[in-house]
């Protein structure tokens, strides 16, 4: 479930500063620290990994887009429960508690949503 709220300008600026500092640290990590910790095993792993082709990236993006479109076609309850289960990592029990309903209802709803998604994606 999404909720909107407003924050003041100083909090937004503080968040932006933190985000910039975090990106700066990640850049330092990528350029320096990670490179200094290369071991024989990590070199072997990198040598065996096939780089992803442009076709693979495009295909994966199309599949992801199709999945989101299919999820969007689900009834609201199924859409919400699928989102909580797969994207937010909630368990059936947590979803049931959050929605104040019974565990079997959530299980049945998620299974029905998966069945609908399979049907939508095969169309």
PDB file of N, CA and C in Angstrom:
ATOM      1  N   UNK A   1       0.834  -1.158   0.000  1.00  0.00           N
ATOM      2  CA  UNK A   1       0.000   0.000   0.000  1.00  0.00           C
ATOM      3  C   UNK A   1       0.891   1.238   0.000  1.00  0.00           C
ATOM      4  N   UNK A   2       0.548   2.159  -0.811  1.00  0.00           N
ATOM      5  CA  UNK A   2       1.332   3.375  -0.895  1.00  0.00           C
ATOM      6  C   UNK A   2       0.604   4.500  -0.177  1.00  0.00           C
ATOM      7  N   UNK A   3       1.382   5.336   0.482  1.00  0.00           N
ATOM      8  CA  UNK A   3       0.819   6.486   1.157  1.00  0.00           C
ATOM      9  C   UNK A   3       1.647   7.696   0.776  1.00  0.00           C
ATOM     10  N   UNK A   4       1.010   8.809   0.671  1.00  0.00           N
ATOM     11  CA  UNK A   4       1.709  10.055   0.354  1.00  0.00           C
ATOM     12  C   UNK A   4       1.845  10.878   1.630  1.00  0.00           C
ATOM     13  N   UNK A   5       2.979  11.555   1.750  1.00  0.00           N
ATOM     14  CA  UNK A   5       3.158  12.457   2.859  1.00  0.00           C
ATOM     15  C   UNK A   5       4.125  13.543   2.415  1.00  0.00           C
ATOM     16  N   UNK A   6       4.075  14.648   3.081  1.00  0.00           N
ATOM     17  CA  UNK A   6       4.933  15.782   2.745  1.00  0.00           C
ATOM     18  C   UNK A   6       6.047  15.893   3.779  1.00  0.00           C
ATOM     19  N   UNK A   7       7.220  16.310   3.284  1.00  0.00           N
ATOM     20  CA  UNK A   7       8.346  16.569   4.178  1.00  0.00           C
ATOM     21  C   UNK A   7       8.810  17.991   3.932  1.00  0.00           C
ATOM     22  N   UNK A   8       9.467  18.562   4.928  1.00  0.00           N
ATOM     23  CA  UNK A   8       9.899  19.942   4.741  1.00  0.00           C
ATOM     24  C   UNK A   8      11.185  19.991   3.920  1.00  0.00           C
ATOM     25  N   UNK A   9      11.524  21.166   3.485  1.00  0.00           N
ATOM     26  CA  UNK A   9      12.655  21.367   2.582  1.00  0.00           C
ATOM     27  C   UNK A   9      13.977  20.948   3.215  1.00  0.00           C
ATOM     28  N   UNK A  10      14.179  21.241   4.482  1.00  0.00           N
ATOM     29  CA  UNK A  10      15.449  20.906   5.134  1.00  0.00           C
ATOM     30  C   UNK A  10      15.644  19.392   5.210  1.00  0.00           C
ATOM     31  N   UNK A  11      14.568  18.653   5.472  1.00  0.00           N
ATOM     32  CA  UNK A  11      14.667  17.199   5.506  1.00  0.00           C
ATOM     33  C   UNK A  11      14.977  16.648   4.117  1.00  0.00           C
ATOM     34  N   UNK A  12      14.352  17.207   3.100  1.00  0.00           N
ATOM     35  CA  UNK A  12      14.614  16.783   1.724  1.00  0.00           C
ATOM     36  C   UNK A  12      16.078  17.050   1.347  1.00  0.00           C
ATOM     37  N   UNK A  13      16.577  18.213   1.722  1.00  0.00           N
ATOM     38  CA  UNK A  13      17.972  18.549   1.428  1.00  0.00           C
ATOM     39  C   UNK A  13      18.932  17.628   2.177  1.00  0.00           C
ATOM     40  N   UNK A  14      18.614  17.294   3.397  1.00  0.00           N
ATOM     41  CA  UNK A  14      19.452  16.370   4.171  1.00  0.00           C
ATOM     42  C   UNK A  14      19.472  15.003   3.516  1.00  0.00           C
ATOM     43  N   UNK A  15      18.319  14.554   3.054  1.00  0.00           N
ATOM     44  CA  UNK A  15      18.255  13.271   2.348  1.00  0.00           C
ATOM     45  C   UNK A  15      19.106  13.312   1.087  1.00  0.00           C
ATOM     46  N   UNK A  16      19.008  14.384   0.330  1.00  0.00           N
ATOM     47  CA  UNK A  16      19.811  14.515  -0.898  1.00  0.00           C
ATOM     48  C   UNK A  16      21.299  14.503  -0.593  1.00  0.00           C
ATOM     49  N   UNK A  17      21.710  15.193   0.484  1.00  0.00           N
ATOM     50  CA  UNK A  17      23.125  15.186   0.868  1.00  0.00           C
ATOM     51  C   UNK A  17      23.576  13.778   1.239  1.00  0.00           C
ATOM     52  N   UNK A  18      22.746  13.078   1.992  1.00  0.00           N
ATOM     53  CA  UNK A  18      23.066  11.705   2.376  1.00  0.00           C
ATOM     54  C   UNK A  18      23.182  10.826   1.136  1.00  0.00           C
ATOM     55  N   UNK A  19      22.244  10.977   0.208  1.00  0.00           N
ATOM     56  CA  UNK A  19      22.256  10.168  -1.009  1.00  0.00           C
ATOM     57  C   UNK A  19      23.519  10.443  -1.830  1.00  0.00           C
ATOM     58  N   UNK A  20      23.920  11.693  -1.918  1.00  0.00           N
ATOM     59  CA  UNK A  20      25.146  12.036  -2.646  1.00  0.00           C
ATOM     60  C   UNK A  20      26.375  11.458  -1.954  1.00  0.00           C
ATOM     61  N   UNK A  21      26.411  11.526  -0.635  1.00  0.00           N
ATOM     62  CA  UNK A  21      27.535  10.953   0.116  1.00  0.00           C
ATOM     63  C   UNK A  21      27.590   9.443  -0.074  1.00  0.00           C
ATOM     64  N   UNK A  22      26.430   8.815  -0.091  1.00  0.00           N
ATOM     65  CA  UNK A  22      26.355   7.369  -0.285  1.00  0.00           C
ATOM     66  C   UNK A  22      26.859   6.996  -1.681  1.00  0.00           C
ATOM     67  N   UNK A  23      26.432   7.718  -2.701  1.00  0.00           N
ATOM     68  CA  UNK A  23      26.909   7.460  -4.062  1.00  0.00           C
ATOM     69  C   UNK A  23      28.408   7.680  -4.173  1.00  0.00           C
ATOM     70  N   UNK A  24      28.894   8.705  -3.504  1.00  0.00           N
ATOM     71  CA  UNK A  24      30.327   8.982  -3.511  1.00  0.00           C
ATOM     72  C   UNK A  24      31.103   7.808  -2.911  1.00  0.00           C
ATOM     73  N   UNK A  25      30.604   7.291  -1.788  1.00  0.00           N
ATOM     74  CA  UNK A  25      31.262   6.148  -1.155  1.00  0.00           C
ATOM     75  C   UNK A  25      31.227   4.925  -2.072  1.00  0.00           C
ATOM     76  N   UNK A  26      30.092   4.685  -2.713  1.00  0.00           N
ATOM     77  CA  UNK A  26      29.994   3.540  -3.625  1.00  0.00           C
ATOM     78  C   UNK A  26      30.972   3.673  -4.796  1.00  0.00           C
ATOM     79  N   UNK A  27      31.159   4.886  -5.279  1.00  0.00           N
ATOM     80  CA  UNK A  27      32.141   5.107  -6.352  1.00  0.00           C
ATOM     81  C   UNK A  27      33.552   4.797  -5.873  1.00  0.00           C
ATOM     82  N   UNK A  28      33.880   5.232  -4.670  1.00  0.00           N
ATOM     83  CA  UNK A  28      35.199   4.932  -4.099  1.00  0.00           C
ATOM     84  C   UNK A  28      35.358   3.420  -3.972  1.00  0.00           C
ATOM     85  N   UNK A  29      34.324   2.752  -3.499  1.00  0.00           N
ATOM     86  CA  UNK A  29      34.361   1.300  -3.356  1.00  0.00           C
ATOM     87  C   UNK A  29      34.628   0.645  -4.706  1.00  0.00           C
ATOM     88  N   UNK A  30      33.863   1.044  -5.710  1.00  0.00           N
ATOM     89  CA  UNK A  30      34.019   0.450  -7.038  1.00  0.00           C
ATOM     90  C   UNK A  30      35.416   0.670  -7.606  1.00  0.00           C
ATOM     91  N   UNK A  31      35.938   1.871  -7.424  1.00  0.00           N
ATOM     92  CA  UNK A  31      37.221   2.197  -8.042  1.00  0.00           C
ATOM     93  C   UNK A  31      38.430   1.684  -7.273  1.00  0.00           C
ATOM     94  N   UNK A  32      38.342   1.617  -5.963  1.00  0.00           N
ATOM     95  CA  UNK A  32      39.544   1.351  -5.192  1.00  0.00           C
ATOM     96  C   UNK A  32      39.475   0.093  -4.333  1.00  0.00           C
ATOM     97  N   UNK A  33      38.514   0.062  -3.450  1.00  0.00           N
ATOM     98  CA  UNK A  33      38.491  -0.999  -2.450  1.00  0.00           C
ATOM     99  C   UNK A  33      38.254  -2.354  -3.090  1.00  0.00           C
ATOM    100  N   UNK A  34      37.257  -2.463  -3.952  1.00  0.00           N
ATOM    101  CA  UNK A  34      36.961  -3.744  -4.576  1.00  0.00           C
ATOM    102  C   UNK A  34      38.155  -4.237  -5.393  1.00  0.00           C
ATOM    103  N   UNK A  35      38.803  -3.342  -6.087  1.00  0.00           N
ATOM    104  CA  UNK A  35      39.927  -3.733  -6.924  1.00  0.00           C
ATOM    105  C   UNK A  35      41.112  -4.241  -6.108  1.00  0.00           C
ATOM    106  N   UNK A  36      41.242  -3.761  -4.880  1.00  0.00           N
ATOM    107  CA  UNK A  36      42.372  -4.194  -4.060  1.00  0.00           C
ATOM    108  C   UNK A  36      42.120  -5.538  -3.384  1.00  0.00           C
ATOM    109  N   UNK A  37      40.885  -6.026  -3.446  1.00  0.00           N
ATOM    110  CA  UNK A  37      40.555  -7.274  -2.790  1.00  0.00           C
ATOM    111  C   UNK A  37      40.245  -8.387  -3.786  1.00  0.00           C
ATOM    112  N   UNK A  38      40.937  -8.392  -4.897  1.00  0.00           N
ATOM    113  CA  UNK A  38      40.724  -9.428  -5.902  1.00  0.00           C
ATOM    114  C   UNK A  38      41.616 -10.620  -5.562  1.00  0.00           C
ATOM    115  N   UNK A  39      40.984 -11.769  -5.422  1.00  0.00           N
ATOM    116  CA  UNK A  39      41.682 -12.999  -5.124  1.00  0.00           C
ATOM    117  C   UNK A  39      41.580 -13.933  -6.318  1.00  0.00           C
ATOM    118  N   UNK A  40      42.326 -14.993  -6.282  1.00  0.00           N
ATOM    119  CA  UNK A  40      42.324 -15.949  -7.385  1.00  0.00           C
ATOM    120  C   UNK A  40      40.925 -16.508  -7.640  1.00  0.00           C
ATOM    121  N   UNK A  41      40.190 -16.795  -6.569  1.00  0.00           N
ATOM    122  CA  UNK A  41      38.845 -17.347  -6.755  1.00  0.00           C
ATOM    123  C   UNK A  41      37.910 -16.346  -7.432  1.00  0.00           C
ATOM    124  N   UNK A  42      37.998 -15.068  -7.022  1.00  0.00           N
ATOM    125  CA  UNK A  42      37.127 -14.078  -7.647  1.00  0.00           C
ATOM    126  C   UNK A  42      37.518 -13.834  -9.101  1.00  0.00           C
ATOM    127  N   UNK A  43      38.817 -13.919  -9.401  1.00  0.00           N
ATOM    128  CA  UNK A  43      39.252 -13.788 -10.795  1.00  0.00           C
ATOM    129  C   UNK A  43      38.729 -14.946 -11.638  1.00  0.00           C
ATOM    130  N   UNK A  44      38.764 -16.155 -11.082  1.00  0.00           N
ATOM    131  CA  UNK A  44      38.238 -17.315 -11.800  1.00  0.00           C
ATOM    132  C   UNK A  44      36.733 -17.182 -12.033  1.00  0.00           C
ATOM    133  N   UNK A  45      36.020 -16.703 -11.025  1.00  0.00           N
ATOM    134  CA  UNK A  45      34.575 -16.505 -11.176  1.00  0.00           C
ATOM    135  C   UNK A  45      34.275 -15.501 -12.269  1.00  0.00           C
ATOM    136  N   UNK A  46      35.016 -14.414 -12.296  1.00  0.00           N
ATOM    137  CA  UNK A  46      34.805 -13.396 -13.331  1.00  0.00           C
ATOM    138  C   UNK A  46      35.138 -13.937 -14.709  1.00  0.00           C
ATOM    139  N   UNK A  47      36.154 -14.771 -14.805  1.00  0.00           N
ATOM    140  CA  UNK A  47      36.556 -15.319 -16.096  1.00  0.00           C
ATOM    141  C   UNK A  47      35.501 -16.280 -16.633  1.00  0.00           C
ATOM    142  N   UNK A  48      34.797 -16.980 -15.731  1.00  0.00           N
ATOM    143  CA  UNK A  48      33.806 -17.954 -16.158  1.00  0.00           C
ATOM    144  C   UNK A  48      32.439 -17.336 -16.444  1.00  0.00           C
ATOM    145  N   UNK A  49      32.192 -16.148 -15.932  1.00  0.00           N
ATOM    146  CA  UNK A  49      30.909 -15.483 -16.156  1.00  0.00           C
ATOM    147  C   UNK A  49      30.834 -14.943 -17.575  1.00  0.00           C
ATOM    148  N   UNK A  50      29.739 -15.273 -18.236  1.00  0.00           N
ATOM    149  CA  UNK A  50      29.523 -14.721 -19.566  1.00  0.00           C
ATOM    150  C   UNK A  50      28.900 -13.340 -19.418  1.00  0.00           C
ATOM    151  N   UNK A  51      29.424 -12.361 -20.129  1.00  0.00           N
ATOM    152  CA  UNK A  51      28.791 -11.043 -20.055  1.00  0.00           C
ATOM    153  C   UNK A  51      27.403 -11.092 -20.708  1.00  0.00           C
ATOM    154  N   UNK A  52      26.494 -10.320 -20.166  1.00  0.00           N
ATOM    155  CA  UNK A  52      25.135 -10.301 -20.685  1.00  0.00           C
ATOM    156  C   UNK A  52      25.107  -9.540 -22.007  1.00  0.00           C
ATOM    157  N   UNK A  53      24.470 -10.132 -23.012  1.00  0.00           N
ATOM    158  CA  UNK A  53      24.398  -9.492 -24.326  1.00  0.00           C
ATOM    159  C   UNK A  53      23.290  -8.445 -24.331  1.00  0.00           C
ATOM    160  N   UNK A  54      23.337  -7.580 -25.311  1.00  0.00           N
ATOM    161  CA  UNK A  54      22.300  -6.561 -25.461  1.00  0.00           C
ATOM    162  C   UNK A  54      20.945  -7.230 -25.671  1.00  0.00           C
ATOM    163  N   UNK A  55      20.934  -8.311 -26.438  1.00  0.00           N
ATOM    164  CA  UNK A  55      19.683  -9.036 -26.683  1.00  0.00           C
ATOM    165  C   UNK A  55      19.105  -9.580 -25.378  1.00  0.00           C
ATOM    166  N   UNK A  56      19.977 -10.115 -24.514  1.00  0.00           N
ATOM    167  CA  UNK A  56      19.522 -10.635 -23.224  1.00  0.00           C
ATOM    168  C   UNK A  56      18.915  -9.525 -22.369  1.00  0.00           C
ATOM    169  N   UNK A  57      19.550  -8.378 -22.361  1.00  0.00           N
ATOM    170  CA  UNK A  57      19.068  -7.239 -21.571  1.00  0.00           C
ATOM    171  C   UNK A  57      17.709  -6.781 -22.089  1.00  0.00           C
ATOM    172  N   UNK A  58      17.589  -6.645 -23.401  1.00  0.00           N
ATOM    173  CA  UNK A  58      16.331  -6.208 -24.003  1.00  0.00           C
ATOM    174  C   UNK A  58      15.229  -7.228 -23.715  1.00  0.00           C
ATOM    175  N   UNK A  59      15.539  -8.515 -23.882  1.00  0.00           N
ATOM    176  CA  UNK A  59      14.554  -9.567 -23.638  1.00  0.00           C
ATOM    177  C   UNK A  59      14.087  -9.546 -22.182  1.00  0.00           C
ATOM    178  N   UNK A  60      15.031  -9.405 -21.255  1.00  0.00           N
ATOM    179  CA  UNK A  60      14.677  -9.352 -19.836  1.00  0.00           C
ATOM    180  C   UNK A  60      13.802  -8.134 -19.540  1.00  0.00           C
ATOM    181  N   UNK A  61      14.117  -6.986 -20.153  1.00  0.00           N
ATOM    182  CA  UNK A  61      13.320  -5.778 -19.939  1.00  0.00           C
ATOM    183  C   UNK A  61      11.902  -5.934 -20.480  1.00  0.00           C
ATOM    184  N   UNK A  62      11.772  -6.591 -21.631  1.00  0.00           N
ATOM    185  CA  UNK A  62      10.451  -6.835 -22.209  1.00  0.00           C
ATOM    186  C   UNK A  62       9.646  -7.762 -21.296  1.00  0.00           C
ATOM    187  N   UNK A  63      10.296  -8.812 -20.798  1.00  0.00           N
ATOM    188  CA  UNK A  63       9.612  -9.733 -19.890  1.00  0.00           C
ATOM    189  C   UNK A  63       9.150  -9.013 -18.621  1.00  0.00           C
ATOM    190  N   UNK A  64      10.008  -8.175 -18.083  1.00  0.00           N
ATOM    191  CA  UNK A  64       9.658  -7.431 -16.870  1.00  0.00           C
ATOM    192  C   UNK A  64       8.479  -6.501 -17.136  1.00  0.00           C
ATOM    193  N   UNK A  65       8.514  -5.822 -18.259  1.00  0.00           N
ATOM    194  CA  UNK A  65       7.415  -4.925 -18.627  1.00  0.00           C
ATOM    195  C   UNK A  65       6.111  -5.704 -18.790  1.00  0.00           C
ATOM    196  N   UNK A  66       6.173  -6.859 -19.449  1.00  0.00           N
ATOM    197  CA  UNK A  66       4.984  -7.698 -19.612  1.00  0.00           C
ATOM    198  C   UNK A  66       4.448  -8.161 -18.268  1.00  0.00           C
ATOM    199  N   UNK A  67       5.342  -8.516 -17.357  1.00  0.00           N
ATOM    200  CA  UNK A  67       4.916  -8.952 -16.033  1.00  0.00           C
ATOM    201  C   UNK A  67       4.186  -7.834 -15.298  1.00  0.00           C
ATOM    202  N   UNK A  68       4.744  -6.624 -15.323  1.00  0.00           N
ATOM    203  CA  UNK A  68       4.089  -5.504 -14.643  1.00  0.00           C
ATOM    204  C   UNK A  68       2.735  -5.192 -15.267  1.00  0.00           C
ATOM    205  N   UNK A  69       2.621  -5.298 -16.591  1.00  0.00           N
ATOM    206  CA  UNK A  69       1.332  -5.078 -17.244  1.00  0.00           C
ATOM    207  C   UNK A  69       0.327  -6.143 -16.815  1.00  0.00           C
ATOM    208  N   UNK A  70       0.776  -7.394 -16.721  1.00  0.00           N
ATOM    209  CA  UNK A  70      -0.108  -8.482 -16.295  1.00  0.00           C
ATOM    210  C   UNK A  70      -0.548  -8.274 -14.851  1.00  0.00           C
ATOM    211  N   UNK A  71       0.368  -7.880 -13.983  1.00  0.00           N
ATOM    212  CA  UNK A  71       0.019  -7.616 -12.579  1.00  0.00           C
ATOM    213  C   UNK A  71      -1.007  -6.495 -12.503  1.00  0.00           C
ATOM    214  N   UNK A  72      -0.858  -5.504 -13.350  1.00  0.00           N
ATOM    215  CA  UNK A  72      -1.785  -4.374 -13.362  1.00  0.00           C
ATOM    216  C   UNK A  72      -3.202  -4.800 -13.744  1.00  0.00           C
ATOM    217  N   UNK A  73      -3.344  -5.896 -14.473  1.00  0.00           N
ATOM    218  CA  UNK A  73      -4.659  -6.388 -14.901  1.00  0.00           C
ATOM    219  C   UNK A  73      -5.370  -7.188 -13.803  1.00  0.00           C
ATOM    220  N   UNK A  74      -4.675  -7.546 -12.755  1.00  0.00           N
ATOM    221  CA  UNK A  74      -5.270  -8.336 -11.674  1.00  0.00           C
ATOM    222  C   UNK A  74      -6.282  -7.506 -10.892  1.00  0.00           C
ATOM    223  N   UNK A  75      -7.254  -8.181 -10.264  1.00  0.00           N
ATOM    224  CA  UNK A  75      -8.138  -7.463  -9.329  1.00  0.00           C
ATOM    225  C   UNK A  75      -7.298  -6.844  -8.200  1.00  0.00           C
ATOM    226  N   UNK A  76      -7.808  -5.795  -7.604  1.00  0.00           N
ATOM    227  CA  UNK A  76      -7.035  -5.036  -6.615  1.00  0.00           C
ATOM    228  C   UNK A  76      -6.506  -5.891  -5.466  1.00  0.00           C
ATOM    229  N   UNK A  77      -7.335  -6.782  -4.933  1.00  0.00           N
ATOM    230  CA  UNK A  77      -6.897  -7.603  -3.796  1.00  0.00           C
ATOM    231  C   UNK A  77      -5.753  -8.513  -4.209  1.00  0.00           C
ATOM    232  N   UNK A  78      -5.882  -9.175  -5.362  1.00  0.00           N
ATOM    233  CA  UNK A  78      -4.822 -10.065  -5.837  1.00  0.00           C
ATOM    234  C   UNK A  78      -3.549  -9.272  -6.130  1.00  0.00           C
ATOM    235  N   UNK A  79      -3.718  -8.125  -6.753  1.00  0.00           N
ATOM    236  CA  UNK A  79      -2.557  -7.284  -7.082  1.00  0.00           C
ATOM    237  C   UNK A  79      -1.812  -6.883  -5.812  1.00  0.00           C
ATOM    238  N   UNK A  80      -2.551  -6.448  -4.815  1.00  0.00           N
ATOM    239  CA  UNK A  80      -1.943  -6.011  -3.550  1.00  0.00           C
ATOM    240  C   UNK A  80      -1.228  -7.171  -2.862  1.00  0.00           C
ATOM    241  N   UNK A  81      -1.863  -8.332  -2.827  1.00  0.00           N
ATOM    242  CA  UNK A  81      -1.267  -9.481  -2.139  1.00  0.00           C
ATOM    243  C   UNK A  81      -0.060 -10.035  -2.889  1.00  0.00           C
ATOM    244  N   UNK A  82      -0.122 -10.055  -4.212  1.00  0.00           N
ATOM    245  CA  UNK A  82       1.046 -10.480  -5.007  1.00  0.00           C
ATOM    246  C   UNK A  82       2.205  -9.532  -4.742  1.00  0.00           C
ATOM    247  N   UNK A  83       1.916  -8.255  -4.722  1.00  0.00           N
ATOM    248  CA  UNK A  83       2.962  -7.248  -4.501  1.00  0.00           C
ATOM    249  C   UNK A  83       3.606  -7.437  -3.127  1.00  0.00           C
ATOM    250  N   UNK A  84       2.773  -7.616  -2.105  1.00  0.00           N
ATOM    251  CA  UNK A  84       3.305  -7.779  -0.752  1.00  0.00           C
ATOM    252  C   UNK A  84       4.113  -9.075  -0.637  1.00  0.00           C
ATOM    253  N   UNK A  85       3.625 -10.140  -1.258  1.00  0.00           N
ATOM    254  CA  UNK A  85       4.285 -11.441  -1.132  1.00  0.00           C
ATOM    255  C   UNK A  85       5.611 -11.482  -1.892  1.00  0.00           C
ATOM    256  N   UNK A  86       5.619 -11.073  -3.144  1.00  0.00           N
ATOM    257  CA  UNK A  86       6.815 -11.219  -3.962  1.00  0.00           C
ATOM    258  C   UNK A  86       7.753 -10.018  -3.922  1.00  0.00           C
ATOM    259  N   UNK A  87       7.208  -8.813  -3.868  1.00  0.00           N
ATOM    260  CA  UNK A  87       8.060  -7.635  -3.967  1.00  0.00           C
ATOM    261  C   UNK A  87       8.441  -7.052  -2.618  1.00  0.00           C
ATOM    262  N   UNK A  88       7.573  -7.243  -1.624  1.00  0.00           N
ATOM    263  CA  UNK A  88       7.896  -6.735  -0.293  1.00  0.00           C
ATOM    264  C   UNK A  88       8.379  -7.838   0.635  1.00  0.00           C
ATOM    265  N   UNK A  89       8.329  -9.100   0.170  1.00  0.00           N
ATOM    266  CA  UNK A  89       8.862 -10.217   0.942  1.00  0.00           C
ATOM    267  C   UNK A  89       8.057 -10.594   2.166  1.00  0.00           C
ATOM    268  N   UNK A  90       6.783 -10.252   2.183  1.00  0.00           N
ATOM    269  CA  UNK A  90       5.951 -10.595   3.331  1.00  0.00           C
ATOM    270  C   UNK A  90       5.491 -12.048   3.224  1.00  0.00           C
ATOM    271  N   UNK A  91       5.270 -12.691   4.358  1.00  0.00           N
ATOM    272  CA  UNK A  91       4.751 -14.053   4.382  1.00  0.00           C
ATOM    273  C   UNK A  91       3.223 -13.993   4.292  1.00  0.00           C
ATOM    274  N   UNK A  92       2.610 -15.158   4.045  1.00  0.00           N
ATOM    275  CA  UNK A  92       1.152 -15.216   4.021  1.00  0.00           C
ATOM    276  C   UNK A  92       0.586 -14.764   5.362  1.00  0.00           C
ATOM    277  N   UNK A  93       1.228 -15.179   6.436  1.00  0.00           N
ATOM    278  CA  UNK A  93       0.756 -14.813   7.768  1.00  0.00           C
ATOM    279  C   UNK A  93       0.822 -13.299   7.980  1.00  0.00           C
ATOM    280  N   UNK A  94       1.904 -12.695   7.547  1.00  0.00           N
ATOM    281  CA  UNK A  94       2.053 -11.247   7.711  1.00  0.00           C
ATOM    282  C   UNK A  94       1.002 -10.492   6.892  1.00  0.00           C
ATOM    283  N   UNK A  95       0.746 -10.979   5.677  1.00  0.00           N
ATOM    284  CA  UNK A  95      -0.269 -10.338   4.837  1.00  0.00           C
ATOM    285  C   UNK A  95      -1.640 -10.465   5.492  1.00  0.00           C
ATOM    286  N   UNK A  96      -1.941 -11.664   5.982  1.00  0.00           N
ATOM    287  CA  UNK A  96      -3.232 -11.885   6.640  1.00  0.00           C
ATOM    288  C   UNK A  96      -3.389 -10.979   7.852  1.00  0.00           C
ATOM    289  N   UNK A  97      -2.335 -10.848   8.625  1.00  0.00           N
ATOM    290  CA  UNK A  97      -2.392  -9.975   9.803  1.00  0.00           C
ATOM    291  C   UNK A  97      -2.573  -8.519   9.386  1.00  0.00           C
ATOM    292  N   UNK A  98      -1.853  -8.098   8.351  1.00  0.00           N
ATOM    293  CA  UNK A  98      -1.932  -6.718   7.855  1.00  0.00           C
ATOM    294  C   UNK A  98      -3.327  -6.398   7.342  1.00  0.00           C
ATOM    295  N   UNK A  99      -3.919  -7.355   6.614  1.00  0.00           N
ATOM    296  CA  UNK A  99      -5.235  -7.130   6.018  1.00  0.00           C
ATOM    297  C   UNK A  99      -6.385  -7.580   6.925  1.00  0.00           C
ATOM    298  N   UNK A 100      -6.045  -8.071   8.111  1.00  0.00           N
ATOM    299  CA  UNK A 100      -7.041  -8.531   9.077  1.00  0.00           C
ATOM    300  C   UNK A 100      -7.993  -9.553   8.449  1.00  0.00           C
ATOM    301  N   UNK A 101      -7.376 -10.601   7.872  1.00  0.00           N
ATOM    302  CA  UNK A 101      -8.155 -11.685   7.284  1.00  0.00           C
ATOM    303  C   UNK A 101      -7.492 -13.008   7.648  1.00  0.00           C
ATOM    304  N   UNK A 102      -8.033 -14.094   7.174  1.00  0.00           N
ATOM    305  CA  UNK A 102      -7.516 -15.428   7.493  1.00  0.00           C
ATOM    306  C   UNK A 102      -6.384 -15.811   6.536  1.00  0.00           C
ATOM    307  N   UNK A 103      -5.454 -16.573   7.057  1.00  0.00           N
ATOM    308  CA  UNK A 103      -4.303 -17.062   6.290  1.00  0.00           C
ATOM    309  C   UNK A 103      -4.713 -17.806   5.018  1.00  0.00           C
ATOM    310  N   UNK A 104      -5.675 -18.762   5.081  1.00  0.00           N
ATOM    311  CA  UNK A 104      -6.071 -19.485   3.865  1.00  0.00           C
ATOM    312  C   UNK A 104      -6.611 -18.574   2.763  1.00  0.00           C
ATOM    313  N   UNK A 105      -7.249 -17.479   3.146  1.00  0.00           N
ATOM    314  CA  UNK A 105      -7.763 -16.532   2.145  1.00  0.00           C
ATOM    315  C   UNK A 105      -6.626 -15.894   1.371  1.00  0.00           C
ATOM    316  N   UNK A 106      -5.545 -15.586   2.055  1.00  0.00           N
ATOM    317  CA  UNK A 106      -4.384 -14.992   1.393  1.00  0.00           C
ATOM    318  C   UNK A 106      -3.733 -16.013   0.459  1.00  0.00           C
ATOM    319  N   UNK A 107      -3.566 -17.239   0.943  1.00  0.00           N
ATOM    320  CA  UNK A 107      -2.964 -18.296   0.122  1.00  0.00           C
ATOM    321  C   UNK A 107      -3.787 -18.502  -1.139  1.00  0.00           C
ATOM    322  N   UNK A 108      -5.098 -18.612  -0.978  1.00  0.00           N
ATOM    323  CA  UNK A 108      -6.001 -18.829  -2.120  1.00  0.00           C
ATOM    324  C   UNK A 108      -5.914 -17.658  -3.095  1.00  0.00           C
ATOM    325  N   UNK A 109      -5.862 -16.453  -2.576  1.00  0.00           N
ATOM    326  CA  UNK A 109      -5.799 -15.257  -3.409  1.00  0.00           C
ATOM    327  C   UNK A 109      -4.491 -15.196  -4.205  1.00  0.00           C
ATOM    328  N   UNK A 110      -3.388 -15.501  -3.559  1.00  0.00           N
ATOM    329  CA  UNK A 110      -2.083 -15.459  -4.238  1.00  0.00           C
ATOM    330  C   UNK A 110      -2.020 -16.547  -5.315  1.00  0.00           C
ATOM    331  N   UNK A 111      -2.529 -17.732  -5.007  1.00  0.00           N
ATOM    332  CA  UNK A 111      -2.534 -18.811  -6.002  1.00  0.00           C
ATOM    333  C   UNK A 111      -3.411 -18.441  -7.191  1.00  0.00           C
ATOM    334  N   UNK A 112      -4.558 -17.836  -6.942  1.00  0.00           N
ATOM    335  CA  UNK A 112      -5.434 -17.393  -8.025  1.00  0.00           C
ATOM    336  C   UNK A 112      -4.749 -16.311  -8.859  1.00  0.00           C
ATOM    337  N   UNK A 113      -4.038 -15.410  -8.187  1.00  0.00           N
ATOM    338  CA  UNK A 113      -3.322 -14.346  -8.895  1.00  0.00           C
ATOM    339  C   UNK A 113      -2.244 -14.942  -9.795  1.00  0.00           C
ATOM    340  N   UNK A 114      -1.516 -15.940  -9.294  1.00  0.00           N
ATOM    341  CA  UNK A 114      -0.476 -16.583 -10.110  1.00  0.00           C
ATOM    342  C   UNK A 114      -1.082 -17.272 -11.323  1.00  0.00           C
ATOM    343  N   UNK A 115      -2.237 -17.893 -11.117  1.00  0.00           N
ATOM    344  CA  UNK A 115      -2.932 -18.551 -12.226  1.00  0.00           C
ATOM    345  C   UNK A 115      -3.356 -17.505 -13.267  1.00  0.00           C
ATOM    346  N   UNK A 116      -3.896 -16.389 -12.799  1.00  0.00           N
ATOM    347  CA  UNK A 116      -4.290 -15.305 -13.707  1.00  0.00           C
ATOM    348  C   UNK A 116      -3.087 -14.726 -14.439  1.00  0.00           C
ATOM    349  N   UNK A 117      -1.977 -14.539 -13.727  1.00  0.00           N
ATOM    350  CA  UNK A 117      -0.771 -14.000 -14.358  1.00  0.00           C
ATOM    351  C   UNK A 117      -0.284 -14.925 -15.471  1.00  0.00           C
ATOM    352  N   UNK A 118      -0.308 -16.219 -15.191  1.00  0.00           N
ATOM    353  CA  UNK A 118       0.113 -17.192 -16.204  1.00  0.00           C
ATOM    354  C   UNK A 118      -0.763 -17.082 -17.440  1.00  0.00           C
ATOM    355  N   UNK A 119      -2.066 -16.926 -17.212  1.00  0.00           N
ATOM    356  CA  UNK A 119      -3.009 -16.787 -18.332  1.00  0.00           C
ATOM    357  C   UNK A 119      -2.737 -15.486 -19.094  1.00  0.00           C
ATOM    358  N   UNK A 120      -2.558 -14.383 -18.386  1.00  0.00           N
ATOM    359  CA  UNK A 120      -2.320 -13.084 -19.030  1.00  0.00           C
ATOM    360  C   UNK A 120      -1.028 -13.092 -19.839  1.00  0.00           C
ATOM    361  N   UNK A 121      -0.001 -13.726 -19.299  1.00  0.00           N
ATOM    362  CA  UNK A 121       1.293 -13.731 -19.974  1.00  0.00           C
ATOM    363  C   UNK A 121       1.319 -14.639 -21.200  1.00  0.00           C
ATOM    364  N   UNK A 122       0.399 -15.616 -21.250  1.00  0.00           N
ATOM    365  CA  UNK A 122       0.364 -16.504 -22.406  1.00  0.00           C
ATOM    366  C   UNK A 122      -0.491 -15.945 -23.536  1.00  0.00           C
ATOM    367  N   UNK A 123      -1.241 -14.899 -23.266  1.00  0.00           N
ATOM    368  CA  UNK A 123      -2.107 -14.297 -24.303  1.00  0.00           C
ATOM    369  C   UNK A 123      -1.308 -13.565 -25.349  1.00  0.00           C
TER     370      UNK A 123
END
